[in-house]
Protein backbone atom coordinates (compact mmCIF):
# COMPACT_ATOMS: atom_id res chain seq x y z
CA MET A 1 31.11 27.88 -45.73
CA ARG A 2 28.59 27.89 -48.55
CA ALA A 3 27.10 31.00 -46.89
CA LEU A 4 30.36 32.75 -47.26
CA GLN A 5 30.52 31.98 -51.02
CA ARG A 6 26.91 33.11 -51.46
CA ASP A 7 27.16 36.37 -49.58
CA LEU A 8 30.75 37.50 -50.27
CA ASP A 9 33.06 37.86 -53.21
CA ARG A 10 35.54 35.03 -53.86
CA GLY A 11 38.55 36.85 -52.13
CA GLU A 12 36.70 37.53 -48.94
CA SER A 13 35.13 34.16 -48.58
CA ALA A 14 38.49 32.48 -49.27
CA SER A 15 40.23 34.75 -46.66
CA ILE A 16 37.65 33.92 -43.97
CA ALA A 17 37.78 30.16 -44.78
CA LEU A 18 41.52 30.19 -44.53
CA ALA A 19 41.58 32.15 -41.29
CA VAL A 20 39.02 29.68 -39.79
CA GLU A 21 41.16 26.70 -41.04
CA LEU A 22 44.34 28.13 -39.56
CA GLY A 23 42.61 28.96 -36.26
CA ALA A 24 43.45 32.65 -36.63
CA ASP A 25 41.95 35.17 -34.21
CA LEU A 26 42.25 38.27 -36.43
CA ILE A 27 41.42 38.92 -39.99
CA LEU A 28 41.99 42.01 -42.16
CA LEU A 29 38.63 43.02 -43.81
CA ASP A 30 37.08 46.31 -44.57
CA GLU A 31 33.77 45.44 -46.14
CA GLN A 32 30.84 45.38 -43.63
CA ASP A 33 29.37 41.99 -44.97
CA GLY A 34 32.77 40.33 -44.69
CA ARG A 35 33.33 41.68 -41.18
CA ARG A 36 29.89 40.42 -40.03
CA LEU A 37 30.38 36.99 -41.41
CA ALA A 38 33.94 36.76 -40.02
CA GLN A 39 32.60 37.60 -36.59
CA GLN A 40 29.98 34.79 -37.03
CA GLN A 41 33.00 32.40 -37.61
CA GLY A 42 34.61 33.56 -34.38
CA LEU A 43 37.19 35.91 -35.99
CA THR A 44 38.00 39.41 -35.03
CA PRO A 45 37.99 41.60 -38.09
CA MET A 46 40.27 44.72 -38.39
CA GLY A 47 40.27 47.15 -41.18
CA VAL A 48 42.90 49.24 -42.69
CA VAL A 49 42.15 52.13 -40.34
CA GLY A 50 42.44 49.82 -37.39
CA VAL A 51 45.81 48.74 -38.69
CA LEU A 52 46.98 52.27 -38.99
CA LEU A 53 45.79 53.15 -35.52
CA LEU A 54 47.66 50.08 -34.16
CA ALA A 55 50.74 51.04 -36.00
CA LYS A 56 50.69 54.57 -34.45
CA ARG A 57 50.08 53.20 -30.97
CA ARG A 58 53.10 50.98 -31.34
CA GLY A 59 55.29 53.79 -32.54
CA LEU A 60 55.57 52.43 -36.15
CA LEU A 61 53.84 55.53 -37.65
CA PRO A 62 54.39 59.14 -36.43
CA ALA A 63 50.92 60.12 -37.77
CA ILE A 64 48.01 58.34 -39.59
CA ARG A 65 46.65 61.53 -41.39
CA PRO A 66 49.06 61.16 -44.30
CA SER A 67 48.07 57.54 -44.81
CA LEU A 68 44.31 58.21 -44.48
CA ASP A 69 44.68 61.02 -47.09
CA ALA A 70 46.65 58.83 -49.44
CA LEU A 71 44.05 56.10 -49.13
CA ARG A 72 41.35 58.55 -50.07
CA THR A 73 43.17 60.43 -52.90
CA ASP A 74 45.60 57.96 -54.31
CA ALA A 75 44.23 54.52 -53.70
CA GLY A 76 40.57 55.29 -54.33
CA PHE A 77 39.75 53.80 -50.92
CA TRP A 78 36.25 54.97 -49.76
CA LEU A 79 36.61 56.40 -46.29
CA GLY A 80 33.63 58.32 -44.89
CA ASP A 81 34.08 61.65 -43.19
CA SER A 82 32.82 60.36 -39.80
CA VAL A 83 35.26 57.39 -39.94
CA TYR A 84 38.08 59.74 -41.00
CA ARG A 85 37.34 62.21 -38.13
CA LEU A 86 36.97 59.40 -35.56
CA ALA A 87 40.31 57.77 -36.62
CA LEU A 88 42.05 61.11 -36.26
CA GLN A 89 40.45 61.63 -32.89
CA LYS A 90 41.58 58.17 -31.59
CA ALA A 91 45.05 58.89 -32.92
CA ARG A 92 44.97 62.22 -31.19
CA GLU A 93 45.47 64.08 -34.48
CA SER A 94 42.17 66.02 -34.43
CA SER A 95 42.22 69.32 -36.15
């Protein structure tokens, strides 16, 4: 776990260590380095966009576009245009 502390910030490394300790299958992470190291530990990372897509698929959200827009404009969440378009396409909300 020292590699986690060396390569990630404290919160990400603690999250991965706890998930491994608990025997979790899935972990919520958006940063690429964290996702890569989580996979090396046998975890499946899912980001915020993945959670939104899953919520829509399960009928918990009528649309993800408003949430994606709020992440970008209100929360200061960096979301690249290609990821934004791909998420809308997967949610069948393409413009």
